[in-house]
Amino acid sequence: ERRIAEVVEQGATIIDIGGYSSRSGADDIDIETEWARVDLGVGAARRIAPQVAVSVDTFRAEIVRRTVEKYGAIIVNDITAGYGDEHMVELVAELDLPYVAMHMRAEPKTMQSCTDYTDVVGEVFGYLKSRATELESGGVRRENIILDPGLGFAKSVKQNYQLLERLSDLCDAGYPVLVGLSRKSMIYKLLNTTPEESLAGTVALNWEALRQGAKIVRVHDVAEAVKIVTIYDKGFRNL
Protein backbone atom coordinates (compact mmCIF):
# COMPACT_ATOMS: atom_id res chain seq x y z
CA GLU A 1 0.00 0.00 0.00
CA ARG A 2 2.89 2.38 0.75
CA ARG A 3 4.32 1.79 -2.71
CA ILE A 4 1.00 2.47 -4.42
CA ALA A 5 0.51 5.69 -2.47
CA GLU A 6 4.07 6.72 -3.29
CA VAL A 7 3.82 6.25 -7.07
CA VAL A 8 0.45 7.98 -7.22
CA GLU A 9 1.84 10.96 -5.33
CA GLN A 10 4.76 11.04 -7.77
CA GLY A 11 2.41 11.22 -10.74
CA ALA A 12 1.91 7.67 -12.08
CA THR A 13 -1.01 7.49 -14.51
CA ILE A 14 -1.21 3.67 -14.57
CA ILE A 15 -0.53 1.24 -11.71
CA ASP A 16 0.70 -2.12 -13.00
CA ILE A 17 -0.12 -5.13 -10.81
CA GLY A 18 1.42 -8.53 -11.45
CA GLY A 19 1.01 -11.81 -9.61
CA TYR A 20 3.14 -13.97 -11.91
CA SER A 21 6.82 -13.12 -12.19
CA SER A 22 8.05 -12.67 -15.74
CA ARG A 23 11.71 -12.28 -14.77
CA SER A 24 14.18 -14.36 -16.69
CA GLY A 25 14.33 -17.81 -15.09
CA ALA A 26 11.17 -17.33 -13.01
CA ASP A 27 9.21 -20.46 -12.10
CA ASP A 28 5.62 -21.18 -13.07
CA ILE A 29 2.93 -20.69 -10.39
CA ASP A 30 -0.64 -21.94 -10.18
CA ILE A 31 -3.63 -19.75 -10.95
CA GLU A 32 -4.87 -19.50 -7.36
CA THR A 33 -1.53 -18.19 -6.13
CA GLU A 34 -1.49 -15.64 -8.94
CA TRP A 35 -5.07 -14.59 -8.20
CA ALA A 36 -4.38 -14.11 -4.49
CA ARG A 37 -1.55 -11.71 -5.35
CA VAL A 38 -3.50 -9.84 -8.02
CA ASP A 39 -6.57 -9.55 -5.81
CA LEU A 40 -4.48 -8.06 -3.02
CA GLY A 41 -2.70 -5.61 -5.32
CA VAL A 42 -5.69 -4.41 -7.34
CA GLY A 43 -7.78 -4.12 -4.17
CA ALA A 44 -5.14 -1.87 -2.62
CA ALA A 45 -4.88 0.23 -5.77
CA ARG A 46 -8.65 0.72 -5.96
CA ARG A 47 -8.81 1.75 -2.29
CA ILE A 48 -5.88 4.12 -2.35
CA ALA A 49 -6.20 5.61 -5.84
CA PRO A 50 -9.58 4.83 -7.41
CA GLN A 51 -9.01 7.54 -10.00
CA VAL A 52 -5.84 5.94 -11.42
CA ALA A 53 -5.98 3.32 -14.19
CA VAL A 54 -4.86 -0.19 -13.25
CA SER A 55 -3.17 -2.69 -15.55
CA VAL A 56 -2.87 -6.36 -14.67
CA ASP A 57 0.18 -8.22 -15.91
CA THR A 58 -1.17 -11.68 -16.72
CA PHE A 59 -1.52 -14.14 -19.59
CA ARG A 60 -4.43 -15.99 -17.97
CA ALA A 61 -7.95 -15.09 -19.08
CA GLU A 62 -9.44 -16.32 -15.81
CA ILE A 63 -7.37 -13.78 -13.86
CA VAL A 64 -8.72 -11.03 -16.11
CA ARG A 65 -12.30 -12.21 -15.71
CA ARG A 66 -12.08 -12.40 -11.90
CA THR A 67 -10.45 -8.98 -11.68
CA VAL A 68 -13.05 -7.27 -13.87
CA GLU A 69 -15.93 -8.97 -12.07
CA LYS A 70 -14.63 -7.77 -8.70
CA TYR A 71 -13.06 -4.40 -9.51
CA GLY A 72 -14.30 -3.22 -12.90
CA ALA A 73 -12.43 -2.42 -16.10
CA ILE A 74 -8.64 -2.76 -16.26
CA ILE A 75 -5.86 -2.70 -18.84
CA VAL A 76 -4.59 -6.19 -19.67
CA ASN A 77 -0.81 -6.48 -19.97
CA ASP A 78 -0.09 -9.84 -21.64
CA ILE A 79 3.51 -10.94 -22.16
CA THR A 80 2.32 -13.71 -24.51
CA ALA A 81 0.18 -11.47 -26.77
CA GLY A 82 -2.71 -13.88 -26.30
CA TYR A 83 -0.85 -17.08 -27.11
CA GLY A 84 -0.60 -18.11 -23.45
CA ASP A 85 -4.35 -18.72 -23.10
CA GLU A 86 -6.69 -19.57 -25.95
CA HIS A 87 -9.54 -17.69 -24.26
CA MET A 88 -7.72 -14.39 -23.73
CA VAL A 89 -8.46 -12.61 -27.03
CA GLU A 90 -12.14 -13.55 -26.96
CA LEU A 91 -12.46 -12.31 -23.37
CA VAL A 92 -10.68 -9.02 -24.00
CA ALA A 93 -12.93 -8.41 -27.01
CA GLU A 94 -16.04 -9.32 -25.00
CA LEU A 95 -15.13 -7.01 -22.11
CA ASP A 96 -13.82 -4.26 -24.43
CA LEU A 97 -10.57 -3.81 -22.49
CA PRO A 98 -7.35 -2.03 -23.48
CA TYR A 99 -4.81 -4.74 -24.28
CA VAL A 100 -1.01 -4.68 -24.31
CA ALA A 101 0.41 -7.35 -26.62
CA MET A 102 4.10 -8.02 -25.98
CA HIS A 103 6.67 -9.97 -27.95
CA MET A 104 8.35 -12.87 -26.19
CA ARG A 105 9.60 -16.33 -27.10
CA ALA A 106 9.12 -19.47 -25.00
CA GLU A 107 8.35 -18.67 -21.33
CA PRO A 108 10.13 -16.65 -18.63
CA LYS A 109 12.04 -19.66 -17.33
CA THR A 110 13.61 -20.43 -20.73
CA MET A 111 13.26 -17.27 -22.82
CA GLN A 112 16.91 -16.19 -22.61
CA SER A 113 17.94 -19.37 -24.45
CA CYS A 114 15.75 -18.27 -27.39
CA THR A 115 17.63 -15.27 -28.75
CA ASP A 116 18.57 -16.67 -32.17
CA TYR A 117 17.13 -14.26 -34.77
CA THR A 118 18.06 -13.73 -38.40
CA ASP A 119 16.69 -10.16 -38.31
CA VAL A 120 15.57 -9.25 -34.80
CA VAL A 121 13.97 -5.94 -35.78
CA GLY A 122 12.06 -7.36 -38.73
CA GLU A 123 10.98 -10.47 -36.84
CA VAL A 124 9.86 -8.75 -33.62
CA PHE A 125 8.09 -5.82 -35.26
CA GLY A 126 6.61 -8.07 -37.93
CA TYR A 127 5.25 -10.37 -35.24
CA LEU A 128 3.62 -7.50 -33.37
CA LYS A 129 2.07 -5.91 -36.45
CA SER A 130 0.72 -9.28 -37.54
CA ARG A 131 -0.58 -9.99 -34.06
CA ALA A 132 -2.35 -6.63 -33.97
CA THR A 133 -4.17 -7.53 -37.18
CA GLU A 134 -5.15 -10.90 -35.70
CA LEU A 135 -6.42 -9.23 -32.53
CA GLU A 136 -8.63 -6.95 -34.58
CA SER A 137 -9.92 -9.96 -36.50
CA GLY A 138 -10.69 -11.56 -33.13
CA GLY A 139 -12.91 -8.66 -32.13
CA VAL A 140 -10.49 -6.45 -30.18
CA ARG A 141 -11.07 -2.83 -31.15
CA ARG A 142 -8.08 -1.17 -32.81
CA GLU A 143 -8.28 1.68 -30.29
CA ASN A 144 -7.67 -0.85 -27.49
CA ILE A 145 -4.47 -2.40 -28.89
CA ILE A 146 -1.08 -1.39 -27.47
CA LEU A 147 2.17 -2.98 -28.68
CA ASP A 148 5.25 -3.75 -26.58
CA PRO A 149 8.52 -4.97 -28.19
CA GLY A 150 9.38 -6.88 -25.02
CA LEU A 151 12.84 -5.49 -24.37
CA GLY A 152 14.71 -8.01 -22.23
CA PHE A 153 12.39 -10.88 -23.12
CA ALA A 154 14.24 -13.41 -25.29
CA LYS A 155 16.65 -10.75 -26.51
CA SER A 156 20.35 -10.21 -25.98
CA VAL A 157 21.73 -6.85 -24.87
CA LYS A 158 22.71 -6.03 -28.46
CA GLN A 159 19.31 -7.06 -29.79
CA ASN A 160 17.56 -4.80 -27.26
CA TYR A 161 19.52 -1.83 -28.57
CA GLN A 162 18.84 -2.78 -32.17
CA LEU A 163 15.12 -2.75 -31.40
CA LEU A 164 15.31 0.54 -29.52
CA GLU A 165 17.30 2.14 -32.33
CA ARG A 166 14.48 1.33 -34.77
CA LEU A 167 11.54 1.79 -32.40
CA SER A 168 10.01 4.46 -34.64
CA ASP A 169 9.34 1.72 -37.23
CA LEU A 170 6.97 0.06 -34.76
CA CYS A 171 5.45 3.37 -33.64
CA ASP A 172 4.67 4.16 -37.28
CA ALA A 173 2.39 1.10 -37.46
CA GLY A 174 -0.41 3.17 -35.96
CA TYR A 175 -0.78 1.57 -32.53
CA PRO A 176 0.40 3.08 -29.23
CA VAL A 177 3.71 1.56 -28.17
CA LEU A 178 4.65 0.71 -24.58
CA VAL A 179 8.31 0.31 -23.65
CA GLY A 180 9.58 -1.32 -20.47
CA LEU A 181 13.32 -0.95 -20.04
CA SER A 182 13.58 0.41 -16.52
CA ARG A 183 16.71 -0.89 -14.73
CA LYS A 184 16.98 -3.84 -17.10
CA SER A 185 20.07 -5.83 -17.97
CA MET A 186 20.48 -3.96 -21.26
CA ILE A 187 21.62 -1.08 -19.03
CA TYR A 188 23.49 -2.62 -16.14
CA LYS A 189 25.23 -5.36 -18.14
CA LEU A 190 26.49 -2.77 -20.60
CA LEU A 191 27.82 -0.60 -17.76
CA ASN A 192 28.97 -3.54 -15.62
CA THR A 193 26.96 -2.25 -12.67
CA THR A 194 23.70 -3.32 -10.94
CA PRO A 195 19.97 -2.63 -11.37
CA GLU A 196 20.16 -0.27 -8.39
CA GLU A 197 22.80 1.80 -10.20
CA SER A 198 20.81 2.01 -13.45
CA LEU A 199 18.69 5.11 -12.96
CA ALA A 200 20.74 7.38 -15.23
CA GLY A 201 20.70 4.78 -18.00
CA THR A 202 16.96 4.30 -17.56
CA VAL A 203 16.36 8.05 -17.88
CA ALA A 204 18.46 8.23 -21.04
CA LEU A 205 16.78 5.28 -22.75
CA ASN A 206 13.27 6.35 -21.77
CA TRP A 207 13.98 9.71 -23.40
CA GLU A 208 15.07 7.92 -26.57
CA ALA A 209 11.91 5.81 -26.53
CA LEU A 210 9.75 8.92 -26.20
CA ARG A 211 11.69 10.68 -28.94
CA GLN A 212 10.95 7.81 -31.32
CA GLY A 213 7.25 7.82 -30.54
CA ALA A 214 6.57 5.56 -27.53
CA LYS A 215 3.37 6.57 -25.73
CA ILE A 216 3.81 4.65 -22.45
CA VAL A 217 6.95 3.98 -20.42
CA ARG A 218 6.80 1.31 -17.73
CA VAL A 219 9.11 2.35 -14.90
CA HIS A 220 10.21 1.81 -11.33
CA ASP A 221 11.33 5.42 -10.76
CA VAL A 222 8.08 7.30 -11.26
CA ALA A 223 9.14 10.81 -10.18
CA GLU A 224 12.03 10.86 -12.63
CA ALA A 225 9.90 9.45 -15.45
CA VAL A 226 7.20 12.07 -14.91
CA LYS A 227 9.83 14.80 -15.22
CA ILE A 228 11.14 13.29 -18.47
CA VAL A 229 7.66 13.07 -19.97
CA THR A 230 6.84 16.62 -18.85
CA ILE A 231 10.01 18.03 -20.43
CA TYR A 232 9.37 16.10 -23.63
CA ASP A 233 5.70 17.14 -23.87
CA LYS A 234 6.04 20.77 -22.80
CA GLY A 235 9.40 21.39 -24.38
CA PHE A 236 10.22 19.44 -27.49
CA ARG A 237 6.66 18.71 -28.64
CA ASN A 238 5.80 22.41 -28.44
CA LEU A 239 8.74 23.66 -30.48
Foldseek 3Di string as FASTA:
>chain_A
DVLLLVLVVLPDQEAEFWQADLAAQGDDDDPVSRLVRRVVVVVVNCVNPVPHAYEYEDLDQVSVVVCCVVPNAHEYEYQQLNPVYVCNLLSCLVNQHQYEGEDAPDGRSCLLVQQDDPDLQCVLLVVQLVSLVVSVVSRHDQQRYEYEHPQPHSHDLVSSVVCLVVVLVSLVSPHAYEYEDQLDCNQCVVVVHHSVPRPVVNLVSVLSNVVSPHDHYDYDPNNSSVVSVCCCVVPVVVD
